[in-house]
Amino acid sequence: MLATVIFHEPADVDARLALLQLDRQVLIDSLVQANMYRARLTPHHPNLYRHATLTNETVAALRDFLVPRGCVGKAG
């Protein structure tokens, strides 16, 4: 089993994200987009849908931001 490694020093986080061809801002922007979508939900939306929305919209936003950079993710 692989051990979990937590990067908490800013320089270590940035270096690890760079290895993954990511940066903090793209992650922040993806979460902001997802939260804006989630904020539009009403009490009429089913609870199950409400709980999945943040995850689904975060992934969609992350793909929206990364595909133009040349990153190709698995859709579907």
PDB file of N, CA and C in Angstrom:
ATOM      1  N   MET A   1       0.846  -1.173   0.000  1.00  0.00           N
ATOM      2  CA  MET A   1       0.000   0.000   0.000  1.00  0.00           C
ATOM      3  C   MET A   1       0.895   1.241   0.000  1.00  0.00           C
ATOM      4  N   LEU A   2       0.472   2.221  -0.765  1.00  0.00           N
ATOM      5  CA  LEU A   2       1.226   3.467  -0.827  1.00  0.00           C
ATOM      6  C   LEU A   2       0.891   4.353   0.369  1.00  0.00           C
ATOM      7  N   ALA A   3       1.906   5.029   0.869  1.00  0.00           N
ATOM      8  CA  ALA A   3       1.702   5.942   1.988  1.00  0.00           C
ATOM      9  C   ALA A   3       1.174   7.270   1.466  1.00  0.00           C
ATOM     10  N   THR A   4       0.329   7.900   2.239  1.00  0.00           N
ATOM     11  CA  THR A   4      -0.196   9.215   1.887  1.00  0.00           C
ATOM     12  C   THR A   4       0.851  10.265   2.214  1.00  0.00           C
ATOM     13  N   VAL A   5       1.083  11.157   1.271  1.00  0.00           N
ATOM     14  CA  VAL A   5       2.032  12.245   1.475  1.00  0.00           C
ATOM     15  C   VAL A   5       1.257  13.542   1.405  1.00  0.00           C
ATOM     16  N   ILE A   6       1.406  14.360   2.428  1.00  0.00           N
ATOM     17  CA  ILE A   6       0.720  15.648   2.465  1.00  0.00           C
ATOM     18  C   ILE A   6       1.753  16.752   2.294  1.00  0.00           C
ATOM     19  N   PHE A   7       1.528  17.582   1.292  1.00  0.00           N
ATOM     20  CA  PHE A   7       2.396  18.720   1.036  1.00  0.00           C
ATOM     21  C   PHE A   7       1.728  19.946   1.635  1.00  0.00           C
ATOM     22  N   HIS A   8       2.353  20.573   2.617  1.00  0.00           N
ATOM     23  CA  HIS A   8       1.716  21.723   3.255  1.00  0.00           C
ATOM     24  C   HIS A   8       2.536  22.996   3.174  1.00  0.00           C
ATOM     25  N   GLU A   9       3.820  22.896   2.901  1.00  0.00           N
ATOM     26  CA  GLU A   9       4.636  24.101   2.732  1.00  0.00           C
ATOM     27  C   GLU A   9       4.337  24.674   1.345  1.00  0.00           C
ATOM     28  N   PRO A  10       4.099  25.977   1.258  1.00  0.00           N
ATOM     29  CA  PRO A  10       3.729  26.571  -0.035  1.00  0.00           C
ATOM     30  C   PRO A  10       4.674  26.215  -1.185  1.00  0.00           C
ATOM     31  N   ALA A  11       5.956  26.241  -0.941  1.00  0.00           N
ATOM     32  CA  ALA A  11       6.913  25.924  -2.012  1.00  0.00           C
ATOM     33  C   ALA A  11       6.782  24.468  -2.445  1.00  0.00           C
ATOM     34  N   ASP A  12       6.548  23.568  -1.475  1.00  0.00           N
ATOM     35  CA  ASP A  12       6.375  22.149  -1.799  1.00  0.00           C
ATOM     36  C   ASP A  12       5.085  21.917  -2.581  1.00  0.00           C
ATOM     37  N   VAL A  13       4.034  22.618  -2.173  1.00  0.00           N
ATOM     38  CA  VAL A  13       2.753  22.501  -2.871  1.00  0.00           C
ATOM     39  C   VAL A  13       2.895  22.973  -4.310  1.00  0.00           C
ATOM     40  N   ASP A  14       3.504  24.135  -4.491  1.00  0.00           N
ATOM     41  CA  ASP A  14       3.677  24.678  -5.838  1.00  0.00           C
ATOM     42  C   ASP A  14       4.545  23.765  -6.699  1.00  0.00           C
ATOM     43  N   ALA A  15       5.591  23.207  -6.114  1.00  0.00           N
ATOM     44  CA  ALA A  15       6.474  22.312  -6.868  1.00  0.00           C
ATOM     45  C   ALA A  15       5.732  21.042  -7.290  1.00  0.00           C
ATOM     46  N   ARG A  16       4.947  20.486  -6.391  1.00  0.00           N
ATOM     47  CA  ARG A  16       4.202  19.268  -6.711  1.00  0.00           C
ATOM     48  C   ARG A  16       3.129  19.543  -7.771  1.00  0.00           C
ATOM     49  N   LEU A  17       2.434  20.659  -7.630  1.00  0.00           N
ATOM     50  CA  LEU A  17       1.437  21.022  -8.642  1.00  0.00           C
ATOM     51  C   LEU A  17       2.097  21.229 -10.002  1.00  0.00           C
ATOM     52  N   ALA A  18       3.277  21.835 -10.014  1.00  0.00           N
ATOM     53  CA  ALA A  18       3.994  22.055 -11.274  1.00  0.00           C
ATOM     54  C   ALA A  18       4.329  20.724 -11.946  1.00  0.00           C
ATOM     55  N   LEU A  19       4.678  19.718 -11.151  1.00  0.00           N
ATOM     56  CA  LEU A  19       4.951  18.389 -11.715  1.00  0.00           C
ATOM     57  C   LEU A  19       3.708  17.807 -12.384  1.00  0.00           C
ATOM     58  N   LEU A  20       2.549  18.187 -11.874  1.00  0.00           N
ATOM     59  CA  LEU A  20       1.279  17.720 -12.431  1.00  0.00           C
ATOM     60  C   LEU A  20       0.734  18.668 -13.498  1.00  0.00           C
ATOM     61  N   GLN A  21       1.535  19.665 -13.858  1.00  0.00           N
ATOM     62  CA  GLN A  21       1.160  20.709 -14.813  1.00  0.00           C
ATOM     63  C   GLN A  21      -0.087  21.463 -14.350  1.00  0.00           C
ATOM     64  N   LEU A  22      -0.132  21.737 -13.054  1.00  0.00           N
ATOM     65  CA  LEU A  22      -1.223  22.486 -12.448  1.00  0.00           C
ATOM     66  C   LEU A  22      -0.654  23.671 -11.675  1.00  0.00           C
ATOM     67  N   ASP A  23      -1.527  24.551 -11.264  1.00  0.00           N
ATOM     68  CA  ASP A  23      -1.147  25.633 -10.366  1.00  0.00           C
ATOM     69  C   ASP A  23      -2.320  25.886  -9.432  1.00  0.00           C
ATOM     70  N   ARG A  24      -2.052  26.595  -8.357  1.00  0.00           N
ATOM     71  CA  ARG A  24      -3.095  26.849  -7.366  1.00  0.00           C
ATOM     72  C   ARG A  24      -4.302  27.557  -7.967  1.00  0.00           C
ATOM     73  N   GLN A  25      -4.043  28.517  -8.835  1.00  0.00           N
ATOM     74  CA  GLN A  25      -5.133  29.342  -9.337  1.00  0.00           C
ATOM     75  C   GLN A  25      -6.154  28.538 -10.124  1.00  0.00           C
ATOM     76  N   VAL A  26      -5.722  27.572 -10.903  1.00  0.00           N
ATOM     77  CA  VAL A  26      -6.690  26.771 -11.675  1.00  0.00           C
ATOM     78  C   VAL A  26      -7.568  25.947 -10.726  1.00  0.00           C
ATOM     79  N   LEU A  27      -7.015  25.501  -9.617  1.00  0.00           N
ATOM     80  CA  LEU A  27      -7.816  24.765  -8.640  1.00  0.00           C
ATOM     81  C   LEU A  27      -8.796  25.687  -7.934  1.00  0.00           C
ATOM     82  N   ILE A  28      -8.320  26.864  -7.561  1.00  0.00           N
ATOM     83  CA  ILE A  28      -9.192  27.848  -6.915  1.00  0.00           C
ATOM     84  C   ILE A  28     -10.318  28.255  -7.859  1.00  0.00           C
ATOM     85  N   ASP A  29      -9.974  28.553  -9.107  1.00  0.00           N
ATOM     86  CA  ASP A  29     -10.988  28.973 -10.085  1.00  0.00           C
ATOM     87  C   ASP A  29     -12.040  27.890 -10.312  1.00  0.00           C
ATOM     88  N   SER A  30     -11.624  26.640 -10.314  1.00  0.00           N
ATOM     89  CA  SER A  30     -12.567  25.536 -10.499  1.00  0.00           C
ATOM     90  C   SER A  30     -13.551  25.456  -9.336  1.00  0.00           C
ATOM     91  N   LEU A  31     -13.054  25.640  -8.122  1.00  0.00           N
ATOM     92  CA  LEU A  31     -13.930  25.613  -6.953  1.00  0.00           C
ATOM     93  C   LEU A  31     -14.872  26.811  -6.927  1.00  0.00           C
ATOM     94  N   VAL A  32     -14.375  27.967  -7.341  1.00  0.00           N
ATOM     95  CA  VAL A  32     -15.226  29.157  -7.403  1.00  0.00           C
ATOM     96  C   VAL A  32     -16.365  28.935  -8.396  1.00  0.00           C
ATOM     97  N   GLN A  33     -16.041  28.400  -9.563  1.00  0.00           N
ATOM     98  CA  GLN A  33     -17.070  28.122 -10.574  1.00  0.00           C
ATOM     99  C   GLN A  33     -18.122  27.154 -10.023  1.00  0.00           C
ATOM    100  N   ALA A  34     -17.666  26.104  -9.360  1.00  0.00           N
ATOM    101  CA  ALA A  34     -18.593  25.115  -8.814  1.00  0.00           C
ATOM    102  C   ALA A  34     -19.481  25.729  -7.728  1.00  0.00           C
ATOM    103  N   ASN A  35     -18.911  26.558  -6.890  1.00  0.00           N
ATOM    104  CA  ASN A  35     -19.702  27.195  -5.838  1.00  0.00           C
ATOM    105  C   ASN A  35     -20.714  28.173  -6.412  1.00  0.00           C
ATOM    106  N   MET A  36     -20.366  28.845  -7.498  1.00  0.00           N
ATOM    107  CA  MET A  36     -21.328  29.746  -8.129  1.00  0.00           C
ATOM    108  C   MET A  36     -22.508  28.939  -8.688  1.00  0.00           C
ATOM    109  N   TYR A  37     -22.233  27.792  -9.250  1.00  0.00           N
ATOM    110  CA  TYR A  37     -23.302  26.940  -9.762  1.00  0.00           C
ATOM    111  C   TYR A  37     -24.158  26.434  -8.601  1.00  0.00           C
ATOM    112  N   ARG A  38     -23.513  25.981  -7.551  1.00  0.00           N
ATOM    113  CA  ARG A  38     -24.224  25.453  -6.389  1.00  0.00           C
ATOM    114  C   ARG A  38     -25.104  26.524  -5.735  1.00  0.00           C
ATOM    115  N   ALA A  39     -24.659  27.753  -5.750  1.00  0.00           N
ATOM    116  CA  ALA A  39     -25.419  28.845  -5.136  1.00  0.00           C
ATOM    117  C   ALA A  39     -26.746  29.084  -5.851  1.00  0.00           C
ATOM    118  N   ARG A  40     -26.854  28.658  -7.101  1.00  0.00           N
ATOM    119  CA  ARG A  40     -28.090  28.855  -7.866  1.00  0.00           C
ATOM    120  C   ARG A  40     -29.135  27.774  -7.591  1.00  0.00           C
ATOM    121  N   LEU A  41     -28.769  26.744  -6.839  1.00  0.00           N
ATOM    122  CA  LEU A  41     -29.725  25.683  -6.547  1.00  0.00           C
ATOM    123  C   LEU A  41     -30.795  26.194  -5.584  1.00  0.00           C
ATOM    124  N   THR A  42     -31.959  25.617  -5.693  1.00  0.00           N
ATOM    125  CA  THR A  42     -33.075  26.013  -4.843  1.00  0.00           C
ATOM    126  C   THR A  42     -33.509  24.813  -3.998  1.00  0.00           C
ATOM    127  N   PRO A  43     -34.387  25.035  -3.033  1.00  0.00           N
ATOM    128  CA  PRO A  43     -34.912  23.906  -2.256  1.00  0.00           C
ATOM    129  C   PRO A  43     -35.687  22.901  -3.116  1.00  0.00           C
ATOM    130  N   HIS A  44     -35.990  23.269  -4.338  1.00  0.00           N
ATOM    131  CA  HIS A  44     -36.718  22.362  -5.230  1.00  0.00           C
ATOM    132  C   HIS A  44     -35.808  21.319  -5.865  1.00  0.00           C
ATOM    133  N   HIS A  45     -34.507  21.528  -5.808  1.00  0.00           N
ATOM    134  CA  HIS A  45     -33.578  20.531  -6.344  1.00  0.00           C
ATOM    135  C   HIS A  45     -33.511  19.350  -5.371  1.00  0.00           C
ATOM    136  N   PRO A  46     -33.473  18.127  -5.888  1.00  0.00           N
ATOM    137  CA  PRO A  46     -33.373  16.954  -5.013  1.00  0.00           C
ATOM    138  C   PRO A  46     -32.084  16.974  -4.192  1.00  0.00           C
ATOM    139  N   ASN A  47     -32.158  16.460  -2.972  1.00  0.00           N
ATOM    140  CA  ASN A  47     -30.985  16.447  -2.090  1.00  0.00           C
ATOM    141  C   ASN A  47     -29.813  15.706  -2.703  1.00  0.00           C
ATOM    142  N   LEU A  48     -30.077  14.568  -3.322  1.00  0.00           N
ATOM    143  CA  LEU A  48     -28.993  13.796  -3.922  1.00  0.00           C
ATOM    144  C   LEU A  48     -28.282  14.626  -4.992  1.00  0.00           C
ATOM    145  N   TYR A  49     -29.033  15.334  -5.788  1.00  0.00           N
ATOM    146  CA  TYR A  49     -28.458  16.196  -6.817  1.00  0.00           C
ATOM    147  C   TYR A  49     -27.631  17.311  -6.188  1.00  0.00           C
ATOM    148  N   ARG A  50     -28.169  17.904  -5.139  1.00  0.00           N
ATOM    149  CA  ARG A  50     -27.483  19.016  -4.474  1.00  0.00           C
ATOM    150  C   ARG A  50     -26.112  18.581  -3.961  1.00  0.00           C
ATOM    151  N   HIS A  51     -26.027  17.361  -3.429  1.00  0.00           N
ATOM    152  CA  HIS A  51     -24.769  16.889  -2.851  1.00  0.00           C
ATOM    153  C   HIS A  51     -23.730  16.551  -3.924  1.00  0.00           C
ATOM    154  N   ALA A  52     -24.190  16.117  -5.070  1.00  0.00           N
ATOM    155  CA  ALA A  52     -23.266  15.754  -6.142  1.00  0.00           C
ATOM    156  C   ALA A  52     -22.828  16.956  -6.978  1.00  0.00           C
ATOM    157  N   THR A  53     -23.572  18.037  -6.899  1.00  0.00           N
ATOM    158  CA  THR A  53     -23.317  19.184  -7.757  1.00  0.00           C
ATOM    159  C   THR A  53     -21.914  19.761  -7.586  1.00  0.00           C
ATOM    160  N   LEU A  54     -21.469  19.936  -6.352  1.00  0.00           N
ATOM    161  CA  LEU A  54     -20.166  20.557  -6.132  1.00  0.00           C
ATOM    162  C   LEU A  54     -19.053  19.722  -6.771  1.00  0.00           C
ATOM    163  N   THR A  55     -19.101  18.415  -6.575  1.00  0.00           N
ATOM    164  CA  THR A  55     -18.076  17.559  -7.175  1.00  0.00           C
ATOM    165  C   THR A  55     -18.146  17.604  -8.696  1.00  0.00           C
ATOM    166  N   ASN A  56     -19.328  17.436  -9.240  1.00  0.00           N
ATOM    167  CA  ASN A  56     -19.479  17.383 -10.692  1.00  0.00           C
ATOM    168  C   ASN A  56     -19.090  18.696 -11.361  1.00  0.00           C
ATOM    169  N   GLU A  57     -19.506  19.796 -10.795  1.00  0.00           N
ATOM    170  CA  GLU A  57     -19.193  21.093 -11.395  1.00  0.00           C
ATOM    171  C   GLU A  57     -17.725  21.467 -11.215  1.00  0.00           C
ATOM    172  N   THR A  58     -17.104  21.001 -10.139  1.00  0.00           N
ATOM    173  CA  THR A  58     -15.668  21.235  -9.964  1.00  0.00           C
ATOM    174  C   THR A  58     -14.878  20.516 -11.050  1.00  0.00           C
ATOM    175  N   VAL A  59     -15.243  19.269 -11.303  1.00  0.00           N
ATOM    176  CA  VAL A  59     -14.562  18.491 -12.353  1.00  0.00           C
ATOM    177  C   VAL A  59     -14.784  19.129 -13.721  1.00  0.00           C
ATOM    178  N   ALA A  60     -16.013  19.542 -13.995  1.00  0.00           N
ATOM    179  CA  ALA A  60     -16.305  20.174 -15.284  1.00  0.00           C
ATOM    180  C   ALA A  60     -15.511  21.466 -15.462  1.00  0.00           C
ATOM    181  N   ALA A  61     -15.465  22.291 -14.425  1.00  0.00           N
ATOM    182  CA  ALA A  61     -14.722  23.553 -14.510  1.00  0.00           C
ATOM    183  C   ALA A  61     -13.232  23.289 -14.675  1.00  0.00           C
ATOM    184  N   LEU A  62     -12.720  22.321 -13.945  1.00  0.00           N
ATOM    185  CA  LEU A  62     -11.300  21.987 -14.067  1.00  0.00           C
ATOM    186  C   LEU A  62     -10.980  21.547 -15.492  1.00  0.00           C
ATOM    187  N   ARG A  63     -11.841  20.740 -16.081  1.00  0.00           N
ATOM    188  CA  ARG A  63     -11.642  20.331 -17.477  1.00  0.00           C
ATOM    189  C   ARG A  63     -11.731  21.534 -18.413  1.00  0.00           C
ATOM    190  N   ASP A  64     -12.702  22.422 -18.155  1.00  0.00           N
ATOM    191  CA  ASP A  64     -12.833  23.625 -18.985  1.00  0.00           C
ATOM    192  C   ASP A  64     -11.550  24.457 -18.967  1.00  0.00           C
ATOM    193  N   PHE A  65     -10.922  24.544 -17.814  1.00  0.00           N
ATOM    194  CA  PHE A  65      -9.703  25.343 -17.690  1.00  0.00           C
ATOM    195  C   PHE A  65      -8.468  24.626 -18.238  1.00  0.00           C
ATOM    196  N   LEU A  66      -8.434  23.299 -18.134  1.00  0.00           N
ATOM    197  CA  LEU A  66      -7.220  22.567 -18.512  1.00  0.00           C
ATOM    198  C   LEU A  66      -7.176  22.138 -19.974  1.00  0.00           C
ATOM    199  N   VAL A  67      -8.308  21.893 -20.593  1.00  0.00           N
ATOM    200  CA  VAL A  67      -8.303  21.459 -21.997  1.00  0.00           C
ATOM    201  C   VAL A  67      -7.630  22.498 -22.900  1.00  0.00           C
ATOM    202  N   PRO A  68      -7.915  23.799 -22.748  1.00  0.00           N
ATOM    203  CA  PRO A  68      -7.214  24.774 -23.595  1.00  0.00           C
ATOM    204  C   PRO A  68      -5.693  24.797 -23.377  1.00  0.00           C
ATOM    205  N   ARG A  69      -5.247  24.293 -22.236  1.00  0.00           N
ATOM    206  CA  ARG A  69      -3.807  24.205 -21.954  1.00  0.00           C
ATOM    207  C   ARG A  69      -3.173  22.978 -22.591  1.00  0.00           C
ATOM    208  N   GLY A  70      -4.006  22.150 -23.202  1.00  0.00           N
ATOM    209  CA  GLY A  70      -3.488  20.958 -23.852  1.00  0.00           C
ATOM    210  C   GLY A  70      -3.639  19.699 -23.013  1.00  0.00           C
ATOM    211  N   CYS A  71      -4.220  19.824 -21.836  1.00  0.00           N
ATOM    212  CA  CYS A  71      -4.466  18.652 -21.004  1.00  0.00           C
ATOM    213  C   CYS A  71      -5.737  17.983 -21.477  1.00  0.00           C
ATOM    214  N   VAL A  72      -5.668  16.718 -21.720  1.00  0.00           N
ATOM    215  CA  VAL A  72      -6.834  15.985 -22.185  1.00  0.00           C
ATOM    216  C   VAL A  72      -7.237  15.024 -21.085  1.00  0.00           C
ATOM    217  N   GLY A  73      -8.431  15.216 -20.544  1.00  0.00           N
ATOM    218  CA  GLY A  73      -8.932  14.335 -19.499  1.00  0.00           C
ATOM    219  C   GLY A  73      -9.972  13.405 -20.058  1.00  0.00           C
ATOM    220  N   LYS A  74     -10.240  12.379 -19.309  1.00  0.00           N
ATOM    221  CA  LYS A  74     -11.262  11.414 -19.709  1.00  0.00           C
ATOM    222  C   LYS A  74     -12.627  12.005 -19.418  1.00  0.00           C
ATOM    223  N   ALA A  75     -13.420  12.155 -20.433  1.00  0.00           N
ATOM    224  CA  ALA A  75     -14.780  12.662 -20.252  1.00  0.00           C
ATOM    225  C   ALA A  75     -15.733  11.488 -20.171  1.00  0.00           C
ATOM    226  N   GLY A  76     -16.791  11.686 -19.412  1.00  0.00           N
ATOM    227  CA  GLY A  76     -17.814  10.646 -19.374  1.00  0.00           C
ATOM    228  C   GLY A  76     -17.958   9.999 -18.046  1.00  0.00           C
TER     229      GLY A  76
END
